[in-house]
């Protein structure tokens, strides 16, 4: 795992057809036409009706199963995954989740003191061979997030996966191959 500078994140995202929707953040969305598919943990009455039809219910335990579902879709792609907060690291490590996130990132070899100085969103890059580490971190985030959301970008694809603090994963994809994969993914995952 390595840290990707925010300037590089922005350059790669633009190359992949993603636009940043909030300055200096990890909040991205496909710029063009895209599909949305949600994977849901617990019932959530806040989901818009038009998106509820695009959602698949995951069985408990939600954090572990959602992370496992992500791994089963991502790992065969054999490409990196970049994890970043939809806010910025100074907020995440200084206010939002410092009580548990600092220890976990430190255990992964991240220079947390340096990362915490960023009022932007450098990415934590995981290679395909680090799927277990990323899966564990996704599960931990889904279990503990209370106010923040995180994003996963798949460099080379117009794809954003949002780790929502209501224990949900939302895929936004402008990539036809990924869309085809997600259409029936629930049949293979459950």
N, C-alpha and C. Protein backbone atom coordinates (compact mmCIF):
# COMPACT_ATOMS: atom_id res chain seq x y z
N UNK A 1 0.84 -1.17 0.00
CA UNK A 1 0.00 0.00 0.00
C UNK A 1 0.89 1.23 0.00
N UNK A 2 0.48 2.22 -0.78
CA UNK A 2 1.23 3.48 -0.82
C UNK A 2 0.25 4.64 -0.89
N UNK A 3 0.74 5.83 -0.60
CA UNK A 3 -0.08 7.03 -0.64
C UNK A 3 0.12 7.71 -1.99
N UNK A 4 -0.98 8.07 -2.65
CA UNK A 4 -0.96 8.76 -3.94
C UNK A 4 -1.27 10.23 -3.69
N UNK A 5 -0.36 11.11 -4.10
CA UNK A 5 -0.53 12.54 -3.92
C UNK A 5 -1.84 13.02 -4.57
N UNK A 6 -2.47 14.00 -3.94
CA UNK A 6 -3.78 14.46 -4.42
C UNK A 6 -3.72 15.00 -5.85
N UNK A 7 -2.63 15.66 -6.23
CA UNK A 7 -2.51 16.16 -7.60
C UNK A 7 -2.57 15.00 -8.60
N UNK A 8 -1.95 13.88 -8.24
CA UNK A 8 -2.00 12.69 -9.10
C UNK A 8 -3.41 12.09 -9.11
N UNK A 9 -4.09 12.10 -7.97
CA UNK A 9 -5.47 11.62 -7.90
C UNK A 9 -6.34 12.42 -8.86
N UNK A 10 -6.22 13.75 -8.82
CA UNK A 10 -7.02 14.60 -9.71
C UNK A 10 -6.71 14.34 -11.18
N UNK A 11 -5.45 14.19 -11.50
CA UNK A 11 -5.04 13.92 -12.88
C UNK A 11 -5.61 12.60 -13.37
N UNK A 12 -5.49 11.55 -12.57
CA UNK A 12 -6.00 10.23 -12.96
C UNK A 12 -7.52 10.25 -13.05
N UNK A 13 -8.19 10.89 -12.09
CA UNK A 13 -9.65 10.97 -12.11
C UNK A 13 -10.14 11.66 -13.38
N UNK A 14 -9.50 12.77 -13.75
CA UNK A 14 -9.90 13.47 -14.97
C UNK A 14 -9.68 12.58 -16.20
N UNK A 15 -8.57 11.86 -16.21
CA UNK A 15 -8.29 10.94 -17.32
C UNK A 15 -9.34 9.84 -17.41
N UNK A 16 -9.90 9.45 -16.26
CA UNK A 16 -10.90 8.38 -16.21
C UNK A 16 -12.33 8.89 -16.41
N UNK A 17 -12.47 10.18 -16.69
CA UNK A 17 -13.81 10.73 -16.91
C UNK A 17 -14.58 10.98 -15.63
N UNK A 18 -13.85 11.25 -14.53
CA UNK A 18 -14.48 11.56 -13.25
C UNK A 18 -14.30 13.05 -12.96
N UNK A 19 -15.28 13.63 -12.30
CA UNK A 19 -15.18 15.03 -11.90
C UNK A 19 -15.24 15.10 -10.39
N UNK A 20 -14.47 16.02 -9.83
CA UNK A 20 -14.49 16.26 -8.39
C UNK A 20 -15.69 17.14 -8.10
N UNK A 21 -16.54 16.74 -7.17
CA UNK A 21 -17.77 17.48 -6.90
C UNK A 21 -17.65 18.38 -5.67
N UNK A 22 -16.51 18.35 -5.00
CA UNK A 22 -16.28 19.22 -3.85
C UNK A 22 -14.78 19.48 -3.78
N UNK A 23 -14.33 20.74 -3.90
CA UNK A 23 -12.90 21.04 -3.99
C UNK A 23 -12.06 20.41 -2.87
N UNK A 24 -10.90 19.88 -3.25
CA UNK A 24 -9.91 19.28 -2.35
C UNK A 24 -10.37 18.00 -1.67
N UNK A 25 -11.46 17.42 -2.13
CA UNK A 25 -12.00 16.24 -1.47
C UNK A 25 -11.82 14.99 -2.33
N UNK A 26 -12.24 13.88 -1.76
CA UNK A 26 -12.28 12.62 -2.49
C UNK A 26 -13.66 12.33 -3.04
N UNK A 27 -14.49 13.36 -3.14
CA UNK A 27 -15.85 13.19 -3.66
C UNK A 27 -15.82 13.34 -5.17
N UNK A 28 -15.95 12.23 -5.87
CA UNK A 28 -15.92 12.20 -7.33
C UNK A 28 -17.18 11.54 -7.86
N UNK A 29 -17.48 11.84 -9.11
CA UNK A 29 -18.60 11.21 -9.81
C UNK A 29 -18.24 11.12 -11.28
N UNK A 30 -18.75 10.10 -11.97
CA UNK A 30 -18.53 10.05 -13.42
C UNK A 30 -19.12 11.30 -14.08
N UNK A 31 -18.36 11.87 -15.00
CA UNK A 31 -18.79 13.11 -15.66
C UNK A 31 -19.88 12.86 -16.68
N UNK A 32 -19.89 11.70 -17.28
CA UNK A 32 -20.87 11.40 -18.32
C UNK A 32 -21.96 10.47 -17.82
N UNK A 33 -22.62 9.85 -18.78
CA UNK A 33 -23.69 8.90 -18.45
C UNK A 33 -23.11 7.75 -17.63
N UNK A 34 -23.85 7.36 -16.59
CA UNK A 34 -23.38 6.28 -15.74
C UNK A 34 -24.55 5.56 -15.09
N UNK A 35 -24.26 4.36 -14.62
CA UNK A 35 -25.22 3.54 -13.89
C UNK A 35 -24.92 3.62 -12.40
N UNK A 36 -25.96 3.46 -11.60
CA UNK A 36 -25.80 3.45 -10.14
C UNK A 36 -26.39 2.14 -9.61
N UNK A 37 -25.60 1.46 -8.80
CA UNK A 37 -26.06 0.24 -8.13
C UNK A 37 -25.65 0.34 -6.67
N UNK A 38 -26.59 0.11 -5.77
CA UNK A 38 -26.30 0.17 -4.34
C UNK A 38 -26.35 -1.21 -3.71
N UNK A 39 -25.45 -1.42 -2.78
CA UNK A 39 -25.48 -2.61 -1.94
C UNK A 39 -25.76 -2.14 -0.53
N UNK A 40 -26.86 -2.59 0.05
CA UNK A 40 -27.34 -2.05 1.32
C UNK A 40 -27.20 -3.03 2.46
N UNK A 41 -26.83 -2.46 3.61
CA UNK A 41 -26.84 -3.22 4.86
C UNK A 41 -28.22 -3.10 5.48
N UNK A 42 -28.30 -2.45 6.61
CA UNK A 42 -29.57 -2.27 7.33
C UNK A 42 -30.55 -1.42 6.52
N UNK A 43 -31.83 -1.59 6.82
CA UNK A 43 -32.87 -0.80 6.15
C UNK A 43 -32.59 0.69 6.36
N UNK A 44 -32.86 1.48 5.32
CA UNK A 44 -32.56 2.92 5.36
C UNK A 44 -33.66 3.67 4.63
N UNK A 45 -34.49 4.35 5.39
CA UNK A 45 -35.62 5.09 4.82
C UNK A 45 -35.19 6.37 4.11
N UNK A 46 -33.91 6.74 4.20
CA UNK A 46 -33.46 7.98 3.56
C UNK A 46 -33.11 7.80 2.09
N UNK A 47 -33.12 6.57 1.60
CA UNK A 47 -32.75 6.33 0.20
C UNK A 47 -33.88 6.80 -0.71
N UNK A 48 -33.51 7.58 -1.73
CA UNK A 48 -34.49 8.06 -2.70
C UNK A 48 -35.16 6.87 -3.39
N UNK A 49 -36.43 7.01 -3.68
CA UNK A 49 -37.22 5.92 -4.29
C UNK A 49 -36.61 5.46 -5.60
N UNK A 50 -36.12 6.39 -6.42
CA UNK A 50 -35.56 6.00 -7.72
C UNK A 50 -34.27 5.19 -7.56
N UNK A 51 -33.55 5.39 -6.45
CA UNK A 51 -32.34 4.61 -6.22
C UNK A 51 -32.62 3.29 -5.51
N UNK A 52 -33.70 3.24 -4.76
CA UNK A 52 -34.04 1.99 -4.06
C UNK A 52 -34.22 0.84 -5.04
N UNK A 53 -34.72 1.15 -6.23
CA UNK A 53 -34.92 0.11 -7.24
C UNK A 53 -33.59 -0.41 -7.79
N UNK A 54 -32.50 0.34 -7.56
CA UNK A 54 -31.17 -0.04 -8.05
C UNK A 54 -30.32 -0.62 -6.92
N UNK A 55 -30.97 -1.05 -5.84
CA UNK A 55 -30.24 -1.50 -4.66
C UNK A 55 -30.45 -2.99 -4.41
N UNK A 56 -29.41 -3.61 -3.87
CA UNK A 56 -29.43 -5.02 -3.51
C UNK A 56 -29.21 -5.12 -2.01
N UNK A 57 -30.02 -5.89 -1.33
CA UNK A 57 -29.92 -6.07 0.12
C UNK A 57 -28.86 -7.11 0.44
N UNK A 58 -27.97 -6.75 1.33
CA UNK A 58 -26.90 -7.64 1.78
C UNK A 58 -27.29 -8.26 3.13
N UNK A 59 -26.99 -9.53 3.36
CA UNK A 59 -27.30 -10.12 4.66
C UNK A 59 -26.27 -9.70 5.72
N UNK A 60 -26.66 -9.76 7.00
CA UNK A 60 -25.69 -9.47 8.07
C UNK A 60 -24.65 -10.58 8.18
N UNK A 61 -23.51 -10.32 8.74
CA UNK A 61 -23.02 -9.04 9.25
C UNK A 61 -22.66 -8.11 8.09
N UNK A 62 -23.27 -6.93 8.07
CA UNK A 62 -23.18 -6.03 6.92
C UNK A 62 -21.76 -5.60 6.57
N UNK A 63 -20.97 -5.08 7.51
CA UNK A 63 -19.63 -4.61 7.12
C UNK A 63 -18.78 -5.69 6.47
N UNK A 64 -18.76 -6.87 7.07
CA UNK A 64 -17.93 -7.95 6.54
C UNK A 64 -18.45 -8.44 5.19
N UNK A 65 -19.76 -8.60 5.07
CA UNK A 65 -20.31 -9.11 3.80
C UNK A 65 -20.18 -8.10 2.68
N UNK A 66 -20.41 -6.82 2.95
CA UNK A 66 -20.26 -5.79 1.92
C UNK A 66 -18.81 -5.71 1.46
N UNK A 67 -17.87 -5.77 2.40
CA UNK A 67 -16.46 -5.76 2.04
C UNK A 67 -16.10 -6.99 1.21
N UNK A 68 -16.64 -8.13 1.60
CA UNK A 68 -16.40 -9.35 0.83
C UNK A 68 -16.99 -9.28 -0.57
N UNK A 69 -18.17 -8.69 -0.70
CA UNK A 69 -18.77 -8.50 -2.03
C UNK A 69 -17.87 -7.62 -2.89
N UNK A 70 -17.38 -6.52 -2.30
CA UNK A 70 -16.49 -5.64 -3.06
C UNK A 70 -15.28 -6.44 -3.55
N UNK A 71 -14.68 -7.21 -2.65
CA UNK A 71 -13.48 -7.97 -3.02
C UNK A 71 -13.78 -8.93 -4.17
N UNK A 72 -14.93 -9.59 -4.12
CA UNK A 72 -15.27 -10.58 -5.16
C UNK A 72 -15.50 -9.94 -6.52
N UNK A 73 -15.91 -8.68 -6.55
CA UNK A 73 -16.06 -7.97 -7.82
C UNK A 73 -14.72 -7.36 -8.25
N UNK A 74 -13.99 -6.77 -7.30
CA UNK A 74 -12.76 -6.05 -7.63
C UNK A 74 -11.57 -6.96 -7.94
N UNK A 75 -11.37 -7.98 -7.15
CA UNK A 75 -10.16 -8.79 -7.27
C UNK A 75 -9.94 -9.36 -8.68
N UNK A 76 -10.96 -9.90 -9.35
CA UNK A 76 -10.73 -10.41 -10.70
C UNK A 76 -10.37 -9.32 -11.73
N UNK A 77 -10.63 -8.05 -11.40
CA UNK A 77 -10.26 -6.96 -12.30
C UNK A 77 -8.75 -6.80 -12.40
N UNK A 78 -8.02 -7.27 -11.37
CA UNK A 78 -6.57 -7.22 -11.34
C UNK A 78 -6.05 -5.81 -11.60
N UNK A 79 -6.59 -4.86 -10.85
CA UNK A 79 -6.17 -3.47 -10.97
C UNK A 79 -6.13 -2.84 -9.58
N UNK A 80 -5.40 -1.72 -9.43
CA UNK A 80 -5.36 -1.07 -8.12
C UNK A 80 -6.71 -0.52 -7.72
N UNK A 81 -6.86 -0.30 -6.43
CA UNK A 81 -8.02 0.40 -5.87
C UNK A 81 -7.47 1.51 -4.99
N UNK A 82 -8.00 2.73 -5.19
CA UNK A 82 -7.57 3.88 -4.40
C UNK A 82 -8.67 4.26 -3.43
N UNK A 83 -8.35 4.25 -2.15
CA UNK A 83 -9.30 4.60 -1.09
C UNK A 83 -8.99 6.01 -0.59
N UNK A 84 -10.02 6.83 -0.49
CA UNK A 84 -9.82 8.20 -0.02
C UNK A 84 -11.09 8.71 0.65
N UNK A 85 -10.93 9.64 1.59
CA UNK A 85 -12.13 10.19 2.23
C UNK A 85 -12.85 11.13 1.27
N UNK A 86 -14.15 11.19 1.40
CA UNK A 86 -14.91 12.14 0.59
C UNK A 86 -14.79 13.55 1.17
N UNK A 87 -14.19 13.68 2.35
CA UNK A 87 -13.87 14.98 2.93
C UNK A 87 -12.38 15.22 2.67
N UNK A 88 -11.57 15.27 3.71
CA UNK A 88 -10.11 15.34 3.58
C UNK A 88 -9.49 14.71 4.83
N UNK A 89 -8.21 14.39 4.75
CA UNK A 89 -7.56 13.64 5.82
C UNK A 89 -7.43 14.44 7.12
N UNK A 90 -7.23 15.76 7.05
CA UNK A 90 -7.12 16.55 8.28
C UNK A 90 -8.39 16.41 9.11
N UNK A 91 -9.53 16.41 8.46
CA UNK A 91 -10.80 16.23 9.18
C UNK A 91 -10.93 14.80 9.71
N UNK A 92 -10.66 13.83 8.86
CA UNK A 92 -10.83 12.43 9.25
C UNK A 92 -9.93 12.03 10.42
N UNK A 93 -8.69 12.51 10.39
CA UNK A 93 -7.71 12.09 11.40
C UNK A 93 -7.63 13.06 12.58
N UNK A 94 -8.28 14.22 12.47
CA UNK A 94 -8.22 15.19 13.54
C UNK A 94 -9.52 15.37 14.28
N UNK A 95 -10.64 15.01 13.65
CA UNK A 95 -11.93 15.25 14.26
C UNK A 95 -12.90 14.07 14.14
N UNK A 96 -13.02 13.53 12.96
CA UNK A 96 -14.10 12.57 12.69
C UNK A 96 -13.86 11.19 13.29
N UNK A 97 -12.72 10.60 12.99
CA UNK A 97 -12.53 9.18 13.35
C UNK A 97 -11.15 8.89 13.93
N UNK A 98 -10.53 9.88 14.53
CA UNK A 98 -9.18 9.69 15.05
C UNK A 98 -9.08 8.62 16.13
N UNK A 99 -10.16 8.36 16.84
CA UNK A 99 -10.14 7.42 17.96
C UNK A 99 -9.82 5.99 17.52
N UNK A 100 -10.10 5.60 16.30
CA UNK A 100 -9.80 4.24 15.85
C UNK A 100 -9.03 4.20 14.54
N UNK A 101 -9.18 5.23 13.71
CA UNK A 101 -8.57 5.21 12.37
C UNK A 101 -7.06 5.40 12.42
N UNK A 102 -6.58 6.23 13.31
CA UNK A 102 -5.14 6.47 13.41
C UNK A 102 -4.39 5.17 13.69
N UNK A 103 -4.86 4.40 14.66
CA UNK A 103 -4.20 3.14 15.00
C UNK A 103 -4.21 2.17 13.81
N UNK A 104 -5.33 2.09 13.13
CA UNK A 104 -5.42 1.14 12.01
C UNK A 104 -4.50 1.54 10.86
N UNK A 105 -4.49 2.82 10.50
CA UNK A 105 -3.62 3.25 9.40
C UNK A 105 -2.15 3.14 9.79
N UNK A 106 -1.83 3.43 11.04
CA UNK A 106 -0.45 3.27 11.51
C UNK A 106 -0.01 1.82 11.39
N UNK A 107 -0.90 0.90 11.73
CA UNK A 107 -0.56 -0.54 11.63
C UNK A 107 -0.32 -0.97 10.19
N UNK A 108 -0.84 -0.19 9.22
CA UNK A 108 -0.61 -0.49 7.80
C UNK A 108 0.65 0.18 7.26
N UNK A 109 1.35 0.92 8.14
CA UNK A 109 2.58 1.58 7.72
C UNK A 109 2.38 2.98 7.17
N UNK A 110 1.19 3.55 7.35
CA UNK A 110 0.91 4.90 6.86
C UNK A 110 1.52 5.91 7.84
N UNK A 111 2.18 6.94 7.30
CA UNK A 111 2.68 8.03 8.12
C UNK A 111 1.48 8.93 8.43
N UNK A 112 0.79 8.63 9.52
CA UNK A 112 -0.45 9.30 9.86
C UNK A 112 -0.21 10.77 10.19
N UNK A 113 0.91 11.09 10.86
CA UNK A 113 1.19 12.49 11.19
C UNK A 113 1.28 13.33 9.92
N UNK A 114 1.89 12.81 8.89
CA UNK A 114 2.00 13.53 7.62
C UNK A 114 0.64 13.59 6.92
N UNK A 115 -0.06 12.47 6.88
CA UNK A 115 -1.36 12.43 6.20
C UNK A 115 -2.36 13.38 6.86
N UNK A 116 -2.29 13.49 8.18
CA UNK A 116 -3.22 14.34 8.93
C UNK A 116 -3.04 15.83 8.62
N UNK A 117 -1.94 16.20 8.00
CA UNK A 117 -1.71 17.61 7.63
C UNK A 117 -2.43 17.98 6.33
N UNK A 118 -2.95 16.99 5.62
CA UNK A 118 -3.56 17.23 4.31
C UNK A 118 -5.00 17.71 4.44
N UNK A 119 -5.24 18.91 3.92
CA UNK A 119 -6.61 19.41 3.82
C UNK A 119 -7.14 19.11 2.43
N UNK A 120 -6.66 18.01 1.89
CA UNK A 120 -7.15 17.45 0.64
C UNK A 120 -7.19 15.93 0.83
N UNK A 121 -7.35 15.20 -0.25
CA UNK A 121 -7.62 13.76 -0.10
C UNK A 121 -6.67 12.89 -0.92
N UNK A 122 -5.37 12.79 -0.53
CA UNK A 122 -4.52 11.80 -1.17
C UNK A 122 -5.15 10.41 -1.01
N UNK A 123 -4.85 9.54 -1.93
CA UNK A 123 -5.45 8.20 -1.92
C UNK A 123 -4.50 7.18 -1.31
N UNK A 124 -5.07 6.20 -0.64
CA UNK A 124 -4.32 5.02 -0.21
C UNK A 124 -4.51 3.99 -1.31
N UNK A 125 -3.41 3.63 -1.97
CA UNK A 125 -3.48 2.73 -3.13
C UNK A 125 -3.18 1.31 -2.71
N UNK A 126 -4.08 0.42 -3.09
CA UNK A 126 -3.94 -1.01 -2.81
C UNK A 126 -3.84 -1.76 -4.13
N UNK A 127 -2.87 -2.64 -4.24
CA UNK A 127 -2.72 -3.48 -5.41
C UNK A 127 -3.59 -4.73 -5.24
N UNK A 128 -3.82 -5.44 -6.33
CA UNK A 128 -4.68 -6.62 -6.28
C UNK A 128 -4.20 -7.64 -5.24
N UNK A 129 -2.90 -7.75 -5.05
CA UNK A 129 -2.34 -8.69 -4.07
C UNK A 129 -2.59 -8.28 -2.62
N UNK A 130 -3.11 -7.08 -2.42
CA UNK A 130 -3.41 -6.59 -1.08
C UNK A 130 -4.91 -6.61 -0.79
N UNK A 131 -5.62 -7.48 -1.47
CA UNK A 131 -7.09 -7.53 -1.36
C UNK A 131 -7.54 -7.78 0.07
N UNK A 132 -6.85 -8.63 0.78
CA UNK A 132 -7.25 -8.92 2.16
C UNK A 132 -7.12 -7.70 3.06
N UNK A 133 -6.05 -6.93 2.89
CA UNK A 133 -5.83 -5.73 3.68
C UNK A 133 -6.92 -4.70 3.37
N UNK A 134 -7.21 -4.50 2.09
CA UNK A 134 -8.25 -3.54 1.71
C UNK A 134 -9.62 -4.01 2.20
N UNK A 135 -9.92 -5.28 2.06
CA UNK A 135 -11.20 -5.81 2.51
C UNK A 135 -11.38 -5.59 4.02
N UNK A 136 -10.34 -5.84 4.80
CA UNK A 136 -10.41 -5.61 6.24
C UNK A 136 -10.64 -4.13 6.55
N UNK A 137 -9.98 -3.24 5.81
CA UNK A 137 -10.13 -1.81 6.05
C UNK A 137 -11.54 -1.34 5.66
N UNK A 138 -12.06 -1.83 4.55
CA UNK A 138 -13.43 -1.49 4.15
C UNK A 138 -14.41 -1.94 5.24
N UNK A 139 -14.26 -3.14 5.72
CA UNK A 139 -15.14 -3.64 6.77
C UNK A 139 -15.07 -2.77 8.02
N UNK A 140 -13.86 -2.39 8.41
CA UNK A 140 -13.67 -1.53 9.58
C UNK A 140 -14.33 -0.16 9.37
N UNK A 141 -14.13 0.41 8.19
CA UNK A 141 -14.76 1.70 7.89
C UNK A 141 -16.28 1.59 7.96
N UNK A 142 -16.84 0.58 7.31
CA UNK A 142 -18.29 0.42 7.32
C UNK A 142 -18.84 0.20 8.73
N UNK A 143 -18.06 -0.44 9.57
CA UNK A 143 -18.49 -0.70 10.94
C UNK A 143 -18.47 0.56 11.80
N UNK A 144 -17.47 1.45 11.57
CA UNK A 144 -17.24 2.57 12.47
C UNK A 144 -17.63 3.94 11.95
N UNK A 145 -17.82 4.11 10.65
CA UNK A 145 -18.14 5.44 10.15
C UNK A 145 -19.46 5.93 10.73
N UNK A 146 -19.45 7.17 11.21
CA UNK A 146 -20.67 7.76 11.78
C UNK A 146 -21.11 8.99 11.00
N UNK A 147 -20.16 9.76 10.50
CA UNK A 147 -20.52 11.02 9.85
C UNK A 147 -19.92 11.16 8.46
N UNK A 148 -18.92 10.40 8.15
CA UNK A 148 -18.19 10.56 6.90
C UNK A 148 -18.45 9.42 5.94
N UNK A 149 -18.17 9.70 4.68
CA UNK A 149 -18.19 8.67 3.66
C UNK A 149 -16.80 8.62 3.02
N UNK A 150 -16.49 7.48 2.43
CA UNK A 150 -15.22 7.29 1.73
C UNK A 150 -15.52 6.87 0.29
N UNK A 151 -14.51 7.00 -0.56
CA UNK A 151 -14.65 6.60 -1.96
C UNK A 151 -13.53 5.64 -2.32
N UNK A 152 -13.84 4.77 -3.26
CA UNK A 152 -12.82 3.93 -3.89
C UNK A 152 -12.86 4.24 -5.38
N UNK A 153 -11.70 4.58 -5.92
CA UNK A 153 -11.54 4.78 -7.37
C UNK A 153 -10.76 3.58 -7.91
N UNK A 154 -11.07 3.20 -9.12
CA UNK A 154 -10.37 2.11 -9.79
C UNK A 154 -9.66 2.71 -11.00
N UNK A 155 -8.40 3.15 -10.84
CA UNK A 155 -7.70 3.85 -11.91
C UNK A 155 -7.78 3.11 -13.24
N UNK A 156 -8.11 3.89 -14.27
CA UNK A 156 -8.29 3.33 -15.60
C UNK A 156 -9.74 3.08 -15.94
N UNK A 157 -10.64 3.21 -14.95
CA UNK A 157 -12.07 3.01 -15.16
C UNK A 157 -12.84 4.22 -14.66
N UNK A 158 -13.94 4.51 -15.30
CA UNK A 158 -14.84 5.57 -14.86
C UNK A 158 -15.78 5.00 -13.80
N UNK A 159 -15.22 4.75 -12.61
CA UNK A 159 -15.96 4.08 -11.53
C UNK A 159 -15.65 4.76 -10.20
N UNK A 160 -16.69 5.01 -9.42
CA UNK A 160 -16.55 5.47 -8.04
C UNK A 160 -17.42 4.55 -7.18
N UNK A 161 -16.83 4.02 -6.13
CA UNK A 161 -17.58 3.23 -5.16
C UNK A 161 -17.60 4.02 -3.86
N UNK A 162 -18.78 4.37 -3.39
CA UNK A 162 -18.91 5.13 -2.15
C UNK A 162 -19.16 4.17 -0.99
N UNK A 163 -18.33 4.28 0.04
CA UNK A 163 -18.55 3.57 1.31
C UNK A 163 -19.36 4.54 2.16
N UNK A 164 -20.65 4.29 2.25
CA UNK A 164 -21.56 5.20 2.93
C UNK A 164 -21.65 4.83 4.41
N UNK A 165 -21.74 5.85 5.26
CA UNK A 165 -21.75 5.62 6.71
C UNK A 165 -23.00 4.92 7.21
N UNK A 166 -23.98 4.66 6.35
CA UNK A 166 -25.14 3.85 6.74
C UNK A 166 -24.92 2.38 6.39
N UNK A 167 -23.66 1.97 6.27
CA UNK A 167 -23.27 0.61 5.91
C UNK A 167 -23.82 0.22 4.55
N UNK A 168 -23.39 0.98 3.57
CA UNK A 168 -23.80 0.78 2.18
C UNK A 168 -22.60 0.99 1.27
N UNK A 169 -22.62 0.31 0.13
CA UNK A 169 -21.67 0.58 -0.95
C UNK A 169 -22.50 1.00 -2.16
N UNK A 170 -22.16 2.14 -2.75
CA UNK A 170 -22.85 2.63 -3.94
C UNK A 170 -21.86 2.72 -5.09
N UNK A 171 -22.12 1.96 -6.13
CA UNK A 171 -21.30 1.97 -7.34
C UNK A 171 -21.88 2.98 -8.32
N UNK A 172 -21.05 3.88 -8.81
CA UNK A 172 -21.39 4.75 -9.93
C UNK A 172 -20.39 4.42 -11.03
N UNK A 173 -20.88 3.94 -12.13
CA UNK A 173 -19.97 3.47 -13.17
C UNK A 173 -20.39 3.96 -14.55
N UNK A 174 -19.42 4.55 -15.22
CA UNK A 174 -19.60 4.92 -16.62
C UNK A 174 -18.89 3.94 -17.54
N UNK A 175 -18.48 2.81 -17.00
CA UNK A 175 -17.76 1.78 -17.76
C UNK A 175 -18.70 0.64 -18.10
N UNK A 176 -18.90 0.38 -19.38
CA UNK A 176 -19.86 -0.63 -19.83
C UNK A 176 -19.56 -2.02 -19.27
N UNK A 177 -18.28 -2.40 -19.23
CA UNK A 177 -17.93 -3.73 -18.73
C UNK A 177 -18.26 -3.87 -17.25
N UNK A 178 -17.98 -2.83 -16.47
CA UNK A 178 -18.30 -2.87 -15.05
C UNK A 178 -19.81 -2.89 -14.85
N UNK A 179 -20.53 -2.10 -15.64
CA UNK A 179 -21.99 -2.09 -15.55
C UNK A 179 -22.56 -3.48 -15.81
N UNK A 180 -22.05 -4.15 -16.83
CA UNK A 180 -22.50 -5.51 -17.13
C UNK A 180 -22.22 -6.45 -15.96
N UNK A 181 -21.06 -6.29 -15.35
CA UNK A 181 -20.69 -7.12 -14.21
C UNK A 181 -21.63 -6.88 -13.03
N UNK A 182 -22.00 -5.62 -12.79
CA UNK A 182 -22.83 -5.28 -11.64
C UNK A 182 -24.31 -5.65 -11.82
N UNK A 183 -24.77 -5.72 -13.05
CA UNK A 183 -26.19 -6.00 -13.29
C UNK A 183 -26.64 -7.27 -12.59
N UNK A 184 -25.85 -8.32 -12.67
CA UNK A 184 -26.23 -9.58 -12.05
C UNK A 184 -25.31 -9.99 -10.91
N UNK A 185 -24.56 -9.03 -10.41
CA UNK A 185 -23.60 -9.35 -9.35
C UNK A 185 -24.29 -9.92 -8.12
N UNK A 186 -25.48 -9.42 -7.81
CA UNK A 186 -26.18 -9.90 -6.61
C UNK A 186 -26.48 -11.39 -6.69
N UNK A 187 -26.71 -11.90 -7.89
CA UNK A 187 -26.99 -13.33 -8.05
C UNK A 187 -25.76 -14.18 -7.72
N UNK A 188 -24.57 -13.61 -7.93
CA UNK A 188 -23.34 -14.33 -7.68
C UNK A 188 -22.82 -14.12 -6.27
N UNK A 189 -23.27 -13.06 -5.61
CA UNK A 189 -22.70 -12.70 -4.32
C UNK A 189 -23.48 -13.27 -3.15
N UNK A 190 -24.78 -13.40 -3.28
CA UNK A 190 -25.60 -13.83 -2.16
C UNK A 190 -25.50 -15.35 -1.98
